[in-house]
Amino acid sequence: MKAVDAQIKRGSAELAVLSVLCEGALHGYEIAKQIAEQTGGVLTFDMASLYPMLYRLEKRGWIRGEWETVKNGRQRRCYKLTGVGKAKLVPLRRQWKVFFHALDRLAGVSRA
């Protein structure tokens, strides 16, 4: 399946990241990998676009990043959803559901 246009993807990025972090803590590469796997490759994020978004979400208090040392001694930043992020995810999912429903009524998306 073809990847989604960058403008559409940007709008859905917060929902995608918060949704995969809802399942547990992940580092950046794992976040991108989970999004790609769970969407069948339709949504993909490269690290150059993912990390600035993670920093914005962390600044808002929706996620928290912590450095961890892996077996080979390298450090990586692992992100997890905060209570604020969990609370934000509920209305965000609701907003997207309303948006998709309205788009379907307008353009017949589910019948495409």
PDB file of N, CA and C in Angstrom:
ATOM      1  N   MET A   1       0.833  -1.175   0.000  1.00  0.00           N
ATOM      2  CA  MET A   1       0.000   0.000   0.000  1.00  0.00           C
ATOM      3  C   MET A   1       0.876   1.236   0.000  1.00  0.00           C
ATOM      4  N   LYS A   2       0.449   2.262  -0.690  1.00  0.00           N
ATOM      5  CA  LYS A   2       1.201   3.501  -0.806  1.00  0.00           C
ATOM      6  C   LYS A   2       1.198   4.269   0.512  1.00  0.00           C
ATOM      7  N   ALA A   3       2.311   4.940   0.799  1.00  0.00           N
ATOM      8  CA  ALA A   3       2.421   5.748   2.017  1.00  0.00           C
ATOM      9  C   ALA A   3       1.502   6.961   1.920  1.00  0.00           C
ATOM     10  N   VAL A   4       1.152   7.496   3.063  1.00  0.00           N
ATOM     11  CA  VAL A   4       0.261   8.643   3.165  1.00  0.00           C
ATOM     12  C   VAL A   4       1.046   9.920   2.911  1.00  0.00           C
ATOM     13  N   ASP A   5       0.396  10.905   2.276  1.00  0.00           N
ATOM     14  CA  ASP A   5       0.985  12.201   2.004  1.00  0.00           C
ATOM     15  C   ASP A   5       1.528  12.814   3.291  1.00  0.00           C
ATOM     16  N   ALA A   6       2.645  13.522   3.199  1.00  0.00           N
ATOM     17  CA  ALA A   6       3.319  14.089   4.370  1.00  0.00           C
ATOM     18  C   ALA A   6       2.428  15.029   5.171  1.00  0.00           C
ATOM     19  N   GLN A   7       1.589  15.818   4.519  1.00  0.00           N
ATOM     20  CA  GLN A   7       0.730  16.748   5.250  1.00  0.00           C
ATOM     21  C   GLN A   7      -0.307  16.004   6.087  1.00  0.00           C
ATOM     22  N   ILE A   8      -0.868  14.952   5.547  1.00  0.00           N
ATOM     23  CA  ILE A   8      -1.834  14.147   6.308  1.00  0.00           C
ATOM     24  C   ILE A   8      -1.123  13.458   7.459  1.00  0.00           C
ATOM     25  N   LYS A   9       0.057  12.939   7.179  1.00  0.00           N
ATOM     26  CA  LYS A   9       0.824  12.224   8.203  1.00  0.00           C
ATOM     27  C   LYS A   9       1.180  13.138   9.366  1.00  0.00           C
ATOM     28  N   ARG A  10       1.573  14.380   9.074  1.00  0.00           N
ATOM     29  CA  ARG A  10       1.929  15.322  10.147  1.00  0.00           C
ATOM     30  C   ARG A  10       0.769  15.511  11.117  1.00  0.00           C
ATOM     31  N   GLY A  11      -0.428  15.589  10.593  1.00  0.00           N
ATOM     32  CA  GLY A  11      -1.593  15.786  11.443  1.00  0.00           C
ATOM     33  C   GLY A  11      -1.903  14.595  12.327  1.00  0.00           C
ATOM     34  N   SER A  12      -1.531  13.419  11.890  1.00  0.00           N
ATOM     35  CA  SER A  12      -1.840  12.205  12.645  1.00  0.00           C
ATOM     36  C   SER A  12      -0.680  11.736  13.521  1.00  0.00           C
ATOM     37  N   ALA A  13       0.440  12.399  13.436  1.00  0.00           N
ATOM     38  CA  ALA A  13       1.653  11.941  14.107  1.00  0.00           C
ATOM     39  C   ALA A  13       1.499  11.865  15.626  1.00  0.00           C
ATOM     40  N   GLU A  14       0.904  12.886  16.231  1.00  0.00           N
ATOM     41  CA  GLU A  14       0.748  12.867  17.687  1.00  0.00           C
ATOM     42  C   GLU A  14      -0.099  11.692  18.137  1.00  0.00           C
ATOM     43  N   LEU A  15      -1.195  11.469  17.440  1.00  0.00           N
ATOM     44  CA  LEU A  15      -2.059  10.342  17.776  1.00  0.00           C
ATOM     45  C   LEU A  15      -1.304   9.027  17.629  1.00  0.00           C
ATOM     46  N   ALA A  16      -0.540   8.886  16.557  1.00  0.00           N
ATOM     47  CA  ALA A  16       0.206   7.654  16.316  1.00  0.00           C
ATOM     48  C   ALA A  16       1.229   7.400  17.424  1.00  0.00           C
ATOM     49  N   VAL A  17       1.993   8.421  17.771  1.00  0.00           N
ATOM     50  CA  VAL A  17       3.028   8.258  18.793  1.00  0.00           C
ATOM     51  C   VAL A  17       2.413   7.957  20.158  1.00  0.00           C
ATOM     52  N   LEU A  18       1.412   8.733  20.548  1.00  0.00           N
ATOM     53  CA  LEU A  18       0.780   8.499  21.850  1.00  0.00           C
ATOM     54  C   LEU A  18       0.143   7.112  21.909  1.00  0.00           C
ATOM     55  N   SER A  19      -0.421   6.673  20.794  1.00  0.00           N
ATOM     56  CA  SER A  19      -1.075   5.357  20.762  1.00  0.00           C
ATOM     57  C   SER A  19      -0.083   4.223  20.966  1.00  0.00           C
ATOM     58  N   VAL A  20       1.077   4.280  20.312  1.00  0.00           N
ATOM     59  CA  VAL A  20       2.045   3.188  20.501  1.00  0.00           C
ATOM     60  C   VAL A  20       2.680   3.263  21.885  1.00  0.00           C
ATOM     61  N   LEU A  21       2.856   4.471  22.426  1.00  0.00           N
ATOM     62  CA  LEU A  21       3.419   4.580  23.773  1.00  0.00           C
ATOM     63  C   LEU A  21       2.419   4.174  24.844  1.00  0.00           C
ATOM     64  N   CYS A  22       1.153   4.153  24.501  1.00  0.00           N
ATOM     65  CA  CYS A  22       0.120   3.694  25.427  1.00  0.00           C
ATOM     66  C   CYS A  22       0.345   2.220  25.772  1.00  0.00           C
ATOM     67  N   GLU A  23       0.996   1.498  24.874  1.00  0.00           N
ATOM     68  CA  GLU A  23       1.263   0.079  25.070  1.00  0.00           C
ATOM     69  C   GLU A  23       2.517  -0.175  25.905  1.00  0.00           C
ATOM     70  N   GLY A  24       3.354   0.862  26.098  1.00  0.00           N
ATOM     71  CA  GLY A  24       4.570   0.705  26.886  1.00  0.00           C
ATOM     72  C   GLY A  24       5.677   1.612  26.393  1.00  0.00           C
ATOM     73  N   ALA A  25       6.734   1.722  27.186  1.00  0.00           N
ATOM     74  CA  ALA A  25       7.865   2.592  26.877  1.00  0.00           C
ATOM     75  C   ALA A  25       8.652   2.054  25.680  1.00  0.00           C
ATOM     76  N   LEU A  26       9.105   2.979  24.824  1.00  0.00           N
ATOM     77  CA  LEU A  26       9.879   2.622  23.628  1.00  0.00           C
ATOM     78  C   LEU A  26      10.905   3.714  23.339  1.00  0.00           C
ATOM     79  N   HIS A  27      11.984   3.349  22.664  1.00  0.00           N
ATOM     80  CA  HIS A  27      12.898   4.393  22.191  1.00  0.00           C
ATOM     81  C   HIS A  27      12.478   4.781  20.773  1.00  0.00           C
ATOM     82  N   GLY A  28      13.064   5.860  20.265  1.00  0.00           N
ATOM     83  CA  GLY A  28      12.621   6.444  19.002  1.00  0.00           C
ATOM     84  C   GLY A  28      12.499   5.467  17.844  1.00  0.00           C
ATOM     85  N   TYR A  29      13.538   4.662  17.613  1.00  0.00           N
ATOM     86  CA  TYR A  29      13.499   3.708  16.511  1.00  0.00           C
ATOM     87  C   TYR A  29      12.343   2.726  16.693  1.00  0.00           C
ATOM     88  N   GLU A  30      12.127   2.261  17.923  1.00  0.00           N
ATOM     89  CA  GLU A  30      11.028   1.325  18.189  1.00  0.00           C
ATOM     90  C   GLU A  30       9.667   1.976  17.950  1.00  0.00           C
ATOM     91  N   ILE A  31       9.544   3.272  18.277  1.00  0.00           N
ATOM     92  CA  ILE A  31       8.295   3.988  18.037  1.00  0.00           C
ATOM     93  C   ILE A  31       7.995   3.992  16.536  1.00  0.00           C
ATOM     94  N   ALA A  32       8.987   4.387  15.745  1.00  0.00           N
ATOM     95  CA  ALA A  32       8.806   4.421  14.288  1.00  0.00           C
ATOM     96  C   ALA A  32       8.490   3.027  13.746  1.00  0.00           C
ATOM     97  N   LYS A  33       9.181   2.020  14.243  1.00  0.00           N
ATOM     98  CA  LYS A  33       8.971   0.643  13.791  1.00  0.00           C
ATOM     99  C   LYS A  33       7.561   0.161  14.124  1.00  0.00           C
ATOM    100  N   GLN A  34       7.096   0.424  15.345  1.00  0.00           N
ATOM    101  CA  GLN A  34       5.753  -0.003  15.753  1.00  0.00           C
ATOM    102  C   GLN A  34       4.667   0.687  14.917  1.00  0.00           C
ATOM    103  N   ILE A  35       4.838   1.979  14.673  1.00  0.00           N
ATOM    104  CA  ILE A  35       3.861   2.704  13.852  1.00  0.00           C
ATOM    105  C   ILE A  35       3.803   2.097  12.459  1.00  0.00           C
ATOM    106  N   ALA A  36       4.954   1.852  11.866  1.00  0.00           N
ATOM    107  CA  ALA A  36       4.997   1.264  10.526  1.00  0.00           C
ATOM    108  C   ALA A  36       4.358  -0.128  10.517  1.00  0.00           C
ATOM    109  N   GLU A  37       4.699  -0.955  11.500  1.00  0.00           N
ATOM    110  CA  GLU A  37       4.158  -2.317  11.559  1.00  0.00           C
ATOM    111  C   GLU A  37       2.649  -2.320  11.785  1.00  0.00           C
ATOM    112  N   GLN A  38       2.185  -1.492  12.734  1.00  0.00           N
ATOM    113  CA  GLN A  38       0.770  -1.508  13.082  1.00  0.00           C
ATOM    114  C   GLN A  38      -0.117  -0.868  12.013  1.00  0.00           C
ATOM    115  N   THR A  39       0.488  -0.084  11.115  1.00  0.00           N
ATOM    116  CA  THR A  39      -0.302   0.526  10.032  1.00  0.00           C
ATOM    117  C   THR A  39      -0.026  -0.148   8.686  1.00  0.00           C
ATOM    118  N   GLY A  40       0.639  -1.267   8.711  1.00  0.00           N
ATOM    119  CA  GLY A  40       0.954  -1.964   7.465  1.00  0.00           C
ATOM    120  C   GLY A  40       1.837  -1.151   6.540  1.00  0.00           C
ATOM    121  N   GLY A  41       2.660  -0.284   7.107  1.00  0.00           N
ATOM    122  CA  GLY A  41       3.581   0.523   6.319  1.00  0.00           C
ATOM    123  C   GLY A  41       2.977   1.796   5.738  1.00  0.00           C
ATOM    124  N   VAL A  42       1.700   2.042   6.022  1.00  0.00           N
ATOM    125  CA  VAL A  42       1.047   3.243   5.493  1.00  0.00           C
ATOM    126  C   VAL A  42       1.609   4.499   6.164  1.00  0.00           C
ATOM    127  N   LEU A  43       1.805   4.453   7.475  1.00  0.00           N
ATOM    128  CA  LEU A  43       2.423   5.569   8.193  1.00  0.00           C
ATOM    129  C   LEU A  43       3.854   5.196   8.538  1.00  0.00           C
ATOM    130  N   THR A  44       4.784   5.974   8.046  1.00  0.00           N
ATOM    131  CA  THR A  44       6.192   5.770   8.373  1.00  0.00           C
ATOM    132  C   THR A  44       6.793   7.117   8.764  1.00  0.00           C
ATOM    133  N   PHE A  45       7.711   7.076   9.702  1.00  0.00           N
ATOM    134  CA  PHE A  45       8.379   8.290  10.163  1.00  0.00           C
ATOM    135  C   PHE A  45       9.873   8.057  10.157  1.00  0.00           C
ATOM    136  N   ASP A  46      10.619   8.997   9.552  1.00  0.00           N
ATOM    137  CA  ASP A  46      12.067   8.895   9.651  1.00  0.00           C
ATOM    138  C   ASP A  46      12.502   9.602  10.936  1.00  0.00           C
ATOM    139  N   MET A  47      13.691   9.302  11.369  1.00  0.00           N
ATOM    140  CA  MET A  47      14.161   9.831  12.645  1.00  0.00           C
ATOM    141  C   MET A  47      14.259  11.357  12.623  1.00  0.00           C
ATOM    142  N   ALA A  48      14.565  11.928  11.469  1.00  0.00           N
ATOM    143  CA  ALA A  48      14.695  13.387  11.361  1.00  0.00           C
ATOM    144  C   ALA A  48      13.382  14.109  11.647  1.00  0.00           C
ATOM    145  N   SER A  49      12.264  13.470  11.370  1.00  0.00           N
ATOM    146  CA  SER A  49      10.973  14.106  11.671  1.00  0.00           C
ATOM    147  C   SER A  49      10.395  13.617  12.992  1.00  0.00           C
ATOM    148  N   LEU A  50      10.762  12.412  13.406  1.00  0.00           N
ATOM    149  CA  LEU A  50      10.200  11.853  14.639  1.00  0.00           C
ATOM    150  C   LEU A  50      10.749  12.530  15.891  1.00  0.00           C
ATOM    151  N   TYR A  51      12.065  12.711  15.966  1.00  0.00           N
ATOM    152  CA  TYR A  51      12.645  13.240  17.195  1.00  0.00           C
ATOM    153  C   TYR A  51      12.187  14.659  17.535  1.00  0.00           C
ATOM    154  N   PRO A  52      12.090  15.581  16.590  1.00  0.00           N
ATOM    155  CA  PRO A  52      11.553  16.901  16.954  1.00  0.00           C
ATOM    156  C   PRO A  52      10.134  16.814  17.529  1.00  0.00           C
ATOM    157  N   MET A  53       9.329  15.901  16.994  1.00  0.00           N
ATOM    158  CA  MET A  53       7.986  15.735  17.529  1.00  0.00           C
ATOM    159  C   MET A  53       8.038  15.154  18.942  1.00  0.00           C
ATOM    160  N   LEU A  54       8.922  14.194  19.183  1.00  0.00           N
ATOM    161  CA  LEU A  54       9.061  13.629  20.533  1.00  0.00           C
ATOM    162  C   LEU A  54       9.473  14.717  21.521  1.00  0.00           C
ATOM    163  N   TYR A  55      10.374  15.601  21.108  1.00  0.00           N
ATOM    164  CA  TYR A  55      10.798  16.692  21.988  1.00  0.00           C
ATOM    165  C   TYR A  55       9.629  17.628  22.285  1.00  0.00           C
ATOM    166  N   ARG A  56       8.794  17.919  21.275  1.00  0.00           N
ATOM    167  CA  ARG A  56       7.620  18.777  21.501  1.00  0.00           C
ATOM    168  C   ARG A  56       6.638  18.116  22.466  1.00  0.00           C
ATOM    169  N   LEU A  57       6.387  16.831  22.280  1.00  0.00           N
ATOM    170  CA  LEU A  57       5.468  16.112  23.168  1.00  0.00           C
ATOM    171  C   LEU A  57       6.020  16.062  24.590  1.00  0.00           C
ATOM    172  N   GLU A  58       7.328  15.926  24.708  1.00  0.00           N
ATOM    173  CA  GLU A  58       7.955  15.904  26.029  1.00  0.00           C
ATOM    174  C   GLU A  58       7.854  17.289  26.679  1.00  0.00           C
ATOM    175  N   LYS A  59       8.055  18.335  25.899  1.00  0.00           N
ATOM    176  CA  LYS A  59       7.955  19.698  26.425  1.00  0.00           C
ATOM    177  C   LYS A  59       6.540  19.998  26.928  1.00  0.00           C
ATOM    178  N   ARG A  60       5.528  19.447  26.261  1.00  0.00           N
ATOM    179  CA  ARG A  60       4.135  19.607  26.686  1.00  0.00           C
ATOM    180  C   ARG A  60       3.797  18.774  27.919  1.00  0.00           C
ATOM    181  N   GLY A  61       4.661  17.819  28.247  1.00  0.00           N
ATOM    182  CA  GLY A  61       4.416  16.959  29.400  1.00  0.00           C
ATOM    183  C   GLY A  61       3.587  15.729  29.064  1.00  0.00           C
ATOM    184  N   TRP A  62       3.399  15.444  27.777  1.00  0.00           N
ATOM    185  CA  TRP A  62       2.581  14.299  27.361  1.00  0.00           C
ATOM    186  C   TRP A  62       3.377  12.997  27.409  1.00  0.00           C
ATOM    187  N   ILE A  63       4.698  13.100  27.204  1.00  0.00           N
ATOM    188  CA  ILE A  63       5.579  11.936  27.293  1.00  0.00           C
ATOM    189  C   ILE A  63       6.780  12.332  28.141  1.00  0.00           C
ATOM    190  N   ARG A  64       7.506  11.334  28.623  1.00  0.00           N
ATOM    191  CA  ARG A  64       8.724  11.589  29.376  1.00  0.00           C
ATOM    192  C   ARG A  64       9.821  10.698  28.800  1.00  0.00           C
ATOM    193  N   GLY A  65      10.951  11.303  28.528  1.00  0.00           N
ATOM    194  CA  GLY A  65      12.096  10.555  28.023  1.00  0.00           C
ATOM    195  C   GLY A  65      13.136  10.385  29.111  1.00  0.00           C
ATOM    196  N   GLU A  66      13.695   9.198  29.175  1.00  0.00           N
ATOM    197  CA  GLU A  66      14.754   8.910  30.145  1.00  0.00           C
ATOM    198  C   GLU A  66      15.877   8.172  29.436  1.00  0.00           C
ATOM    199  N   TRP A  67      17.105   8.547  29.762  1.00  0.00           N
ATOM    200  CA  TRP A  67      18.249   7.872  29.174  1.00  0.00           C
ATOM    201  C   TRP A  67      18.435   6.511  29.828  1.00  0.00           C
ATOM    202  N   GLU A  68      18.755   5.524  29.003  1.00  0.00           N
ATOM    203  CA  GLU A  68      19.068   4.196  29.518  1.00  0.00           C
ATOM    204  C   GLU A  68      20.309   3.687  28.807  1.00  0.00           C
ATOM    205  N   THR A  69      21.058   2.862  29.489  1.00  0.00           N
ATOM    206  CA  THR A  69      22.258   2.275  28.908  1.00  0.00           C
ATOM    207  C   THR A  69      21.940   0.853  28.478  1.00  0.00           C
ATOM    208  N   VAL A  70      22.247   0.541  27.221  1.00  0.00           N
ATOM    209  CA  VAL A  70      21.984  -0.802  26.702  1.00  0.00           C
ATOM    210  C   VAL A  70      23.229  -1.668  26.894  1.00  0.00           C
ATOM    211  N   LYS A  71      23.108  -2.941  26.574  1.00  0.00           N
ATOM    212  CA  LYS A  71      24.157  -3.929  26.851  1.00  0.00           C
ATOM    213  C   LYS A  71      25.534  -3.529  26.325  1.00  0.00           C
ATOM    214  N   ASN A  72      25.583  -2.923  25.143  1.00  0.00           N
ATOM    215  CA  ASN A  72      26.886  -2.574  24.566  1.00  0.00           C
ATOM    216  C   ASN A  72      27.452  -1.274  25.139  1.00  0.00           C
ATOM    217  N   GLY A  73      26.779  -0.699  26.129  1.00  0.00           N
ATOM    218  CA  GLY A  73      27.260   0.510  26.772  1.00  0.00           C
ATOM    219  C   GLY A  73      26.745   1.804  26.154  1.00  0.00           C
ATOM    220  N   ARG A  74      26.079   1.712  25.013  1.00  0.00           N
ATOM    221  CA  ARG A  74      25.523   2.912  24.376  1.00  0.00           C
ATOM    222  C   ARG A  74      24.301   3.380  25.147  1.00  0.00           C
ATOM    223  N   GLN A  75      24.042   4.661  25.041  1.00  0.00           N
ATOM    224  CA  GLN A  75      22.851   5.207  25.683  1.00  0.00           C
ATOM    225  C   GLN A  75      21.801   5.528  24.632  1.00  0.00           C
ATOM    226  N   ARG A  76      20.558   5.356  25.024  1.00  0.00           N
ATOM    227  CA  ARG A  76      19.442   5.721  24.158  1.00  0.00           C
ATOM    228  C   ARG A  76      18.335   6.286  25.044  1.00  0.00           C
ATOM    229  N   ARG A  77      17.511   7.098  24.440  1.00  0.00           N
ATOM    230  CA  ARG A  77      16.431   7.752  25.186  1.00  0.00           C
ATOM    231  C   ARG A  77      15.156   6.941  24.995  1.00  0.00           C
ATOM    232  N   CYS A  78      14.574   6.549  26.094  1.00  0.00           N
ATOM    233  CA  CYS A  78      13.365   5.738  26.084  1.00  0.00           C
ATOM    234  C   CYS A  78      12.201   6.627  26.521  1.00  0.00           C
ATOM    235  N   TYR A  79      11.113   6.589  25.765  1.00  0.00           N
ATOM    236  CA  TYR A  79       9.967   7.461  26.014  1.00  0.00           C
ATOM    237  C   TYR A  79       8.787   6.670  26.553  1.00  0.00           C
ATOM    238  N   LYS A  80       8.077   7.304  27.495  1.00  0.00           N
ATOM    239  CA  LYS A  80       6.851   6.689  27.986  1.00  0.00           C
ATOM    240  C   LYS A  80       5.781   7.756  28.144  1.00  0.00           C
ATOM    241  N   LEU A  81       4.559   7.297  28.069  1.00  0.00           N
ATOM    242  CA  LEU A  81       3.395   8.173  28.191  1.00  0.00           C
ATOM    243  C   LEU A  81       3.241   8.604  29.652  1.00  0.00           C
ATOM    244  N   THR A  82       2.968   9.880  29.861  1.00  0.00           N
ATOM    245  CA  THR A  82       2.716  10.382  31.214  1.00  0.00           C
ATOM    246  C   THR A  82       1.212  10.339  31.484  1.00  0.00           C
ATOM    247  N   GLY A  83       0.823  10.644  32.707  1.00  0.00           N
ATOM    248  CA  GLY A  83      -0.595  10.741  33.035  1.00  0.00           C
ATOM    249  C   GLY A  83      -1.285  11.796  32.188  1.00  0.00           C
ATOM    250  N   VAL A  84      -0.594  12.906  31.962  1.00  0.00           N
ATOM    251  CA  VAL A  84      -1.138  13.974  31.115  1.00  0.00           C
ATOM    252  C   VAL A  84      -1.324  13.459  29.687  1.00  0.00           C
ATOM    253  N   GLY A  85      -0.348  12.700  29.199  1.00  0.00           N
ATOM    254  CA  GLY A  85      -0.430  12.139  27.849  1.00  0.00           C
ATOM    255  C   GLY A  85      -1.579  11.151  27.714  1.00  0.00           C
ATOM    256  N   LYS A  86      -1.772  10.315  28.722  1.00  0.00           N
ATOM    257  CA  LYS A  86      -2.890   9.365  28.710  1.00  0.00           C
ATOM    258  C   LYS A  86      -4.213  10.107  28.680  1.00  0.00           C
ATOM    259  N   ALA A  87      -4.303  11.173  29.472  1.00  0.00           N
ATOM    260  CA  ALA A  87      -5.534  11.975  29.501  1.00  0.00           C
ATOM    261  C   ALA A  87      -5.756  12.679  28.162  1.00  0.00           C
ATOM    262  N   LYS A  88      -4.702  13.094  27.502  1.00  0.00           N
ATOM    263  CA  LYS A  88      -4.805  13.783  26.204  1.00  0.00           C
ATOM    264  C   LYS A  88      -5.207  12.808  25.100  1.00  0.00           C
ATOM    265  N   LEU A  89      -4.806  11.561  25.226  1.00  0.00           N
ATOM    266  CA  LEU A  89      -5.081  10.566  24.195  1.00  0.00           C
ATOM    267  C   LEU A  89      -6.578  10.313  24.019  1.00  0.00           C
ATOM    268  N   VAL A  90      -7.333  10.341  25.099  1.00  0.00           N
ATOM    269  CA  VAL A  90      -8.778  10.068  25.038  1.00  0.00           C
ATOM    270  C   VAL A  90      -9.503  11.081  24.146  1.00  0.00           C
ATOM    271  N   PRO A  91      -9.389  12.397  24.394  1.00  0.00           N
ATOM    272  CA  PRO A  91     -10.082  13.341  23.510  1.00  0.00           C
ATOM    273  C   PRO A  91      -9.471  13.395  22.113  1.00  0.00           C
ATOM    274  N   LEU A  92      -8.177  13.130  22.008  1.00  0.00           N
ATOM    275  CA  LEU A  92      -7.537  13.125  20.697  1.00  0.00           C
ATOM    276  C   LEU A  92      -8.118  12.020  19.824  1.00  0.00           C
ATOM    277  N   ARG A  93      -8.287  10.832  20.389  1.00  0.00           N
ATOM    278  CA  ARG A  93      -8.909   9.727  19.654  1.00  0.00           C
ATOM    279  C   ARG A  93     -10.348  10.078  19.271  1.00  0.00           C
ATOM    280  N   ARG A  94     -11.055  10.706  20.188  1.00  0.00           N
ATOM    281  CA  ARG A  94     -12.438  11.107  19.925  1.00  0.00           C
ATOM    282  C   ARG A  94     -12.496  12.110  18.774  1.00  0.00           C
ATOM    283  N   GLN A  95     -11.585  13.094  18.771  1.00  0.00           N
ATOM    284  CA  GLN A  95     -11.543  14.102  17.712  1.00  0.00           C
ATOM    285  C   GLN A  95     -11.268  13.468  16.352  1.00  0.00           C
ATOM    286  N   TRP A  96     -10.332  12.529  16.302  1.00  0.00           N
ATOM    287  CA  TRP A  96     -10.027  11.859  15.045  1.00  0.00           C
ATOM    288  C   TRP A  96     -11.210  11.022  14.568  1.00  0.00           C
ATOM    289  N   LYS A  97     -11.889  10.378  15.502  1.00  0.00           N
ATOM    290  CA  LYS A  97     -13.064   9.577  15.131  1.00  0.00           C
ATOM    291  C   LYS A  97     -14.134  10.465  14.506  1.00  0.00           C
ATOM    292  N   VAL A  98     -14.398  11.623  15.118  1.00  0.00           N
ATOM    293  CA  VAL A  98     -15.371  12.573  14.576  1.00  0.00           C
ATOM    294  C   VAL A  98     -14.919  13.061  13.206  1.00  0.00           C
ATOM    295  N   PHE A  99     -13.625  13.367  13.086  1.00  0.00           N
ATOM    296  CA  PHE A  99     -13.071  13.832  11.812  1.00  0.00           C
ATOM    297  C   PHE A  99     -13.255  12.791  10.710  1.00  0.00           C
ATOM    298  N   PHE A 100     -12.902  11.532  10.994  1.00  0.00           N
ATOM    299  CA  PHE A 100     -13.041  10.472   9.991  1.00  0.00           C
ATOM    300  C   PHE A 100     -14.499  10.242   9.621  1.00  0.00           C
ATOM    301  N   HIS A 101     -15.375  10.310  10.595  1.00  0.00           N
ATOM    302  CA  HIS A 101     -16.803  10.143  10.330  1.00  0.00           C
ATOM    303  C   HIS A 101     -17.305  11.261   9.409  1.00  0.00           C
ATOM    304  N   ALA A 102     -16.905  12.494   9.697  1.00  0.00           N
ATOM    305  CA  ALA A 102     -17.308  13.631   8.863  1.00  0.00           C
ATOM    306  C   ALA A 102     -16.721  13.515   7.461  1.00  0.00           C
ATOM    307  N   LEU A 103     -15.472  13.108   7.360  1.00  0.00           N
ATOM    308  CA  LEU A 103     -14.827  12.936   6.061  1.00  0.00           C
ATOM    309  C   LEU A 103     -15.511  11.834   5.261  1.00  0.00           C
ATOM    310  N   ASP A 104     -15.929  10.787   5.930  1.00  0.00           N
ATOM    311  CA  ASP A 104     -16.644   9.705   5.265  1.00  0.00           C
ATOM    312  C   ASP A 104     -17.988  10.187   4.722  1.00  0.00           C
ATOM    313  N   ARG A 105     -18.692  10.977   5.535  1.00  0.00           N
ATOM    314  CA  ARG A 105     -19.972  11.517   5.063  1.00  0.00           C
ATOM    315  C   ARG A 105     -19.771  12.427   3.856  1.00  0.00           C
ATOM    316  N   LEU A 106     -18.701  13.205   3.885  1.00  0.00           N
ATOM    317  CA  LEU A 106     -18.431  14.153   2.810  1.00  0.00           C
ATOM    318  C   LEU A 106     -17.922  13.467   1.543  1.00  0.00           C
ATOM    319  N   ALA A 107     -16.967  12.597   1.695  1.00  0.00           N
ATOM    320  CA  ALA A 107     -16.258  12.062   0.534  1.00  0.00           C
ATOM    321  C   ALA A 107     -16.415  10.563   0.322  1.00  0.00           C
ATOM    322  N   GLY A 108     -17.181   9.908   1.170  1.00  0.00           N
ATOM    323  CA  GLY A 108     -17.376   8.466   1.011  1.00  0.00           C
ATOM    324  C   GLY A 108     -16.087   7.691   1.154  1.00  0.00           C
ATOM    325  N   VAL A 109     -15.253   8.085   2.120  1.00  0.00           N
ATOM    326  CA  VAL A 109     -13.949   7.472   2.302  1.00  0.00           C
ATOM    327  C   VAL A 109     -14.038   5.970   2.550  1.00  0.00           C
ATOM    328  N   SER A 110     -14.987   5.520   3.355  1.00  0.00           N
ATOM    329  CA  SER A 110     -15.076   4.089   3.658  1.00  0.00           C
ATOM    330  C   SER A 110     -15.514   3.270   2.454  1.00  0.00           C
ATOM    331  N   ARG A 111     -16.063   3.926   1.457  1.00  0.00           N
ATOM    332  CA  ARG A 111     -16.492   3.217   0.251  1.00  0.00           C
ATOM    333  C   ARG A 111     -15.462   3.303  -0.877  1.00  0.00           C
ATOM    334  N   ALA A 112     -14.353   3.999  -0.620  1.00  0.00           N
ATOM    335  CA  ALA A 112     -13.329   4.197  -1.654  1.00  0.00           C
ATOM    336  C   ALA A 112     -12.544   2.935  -1.904  1.00  0.00           C
TER     337      ALA A 112
END
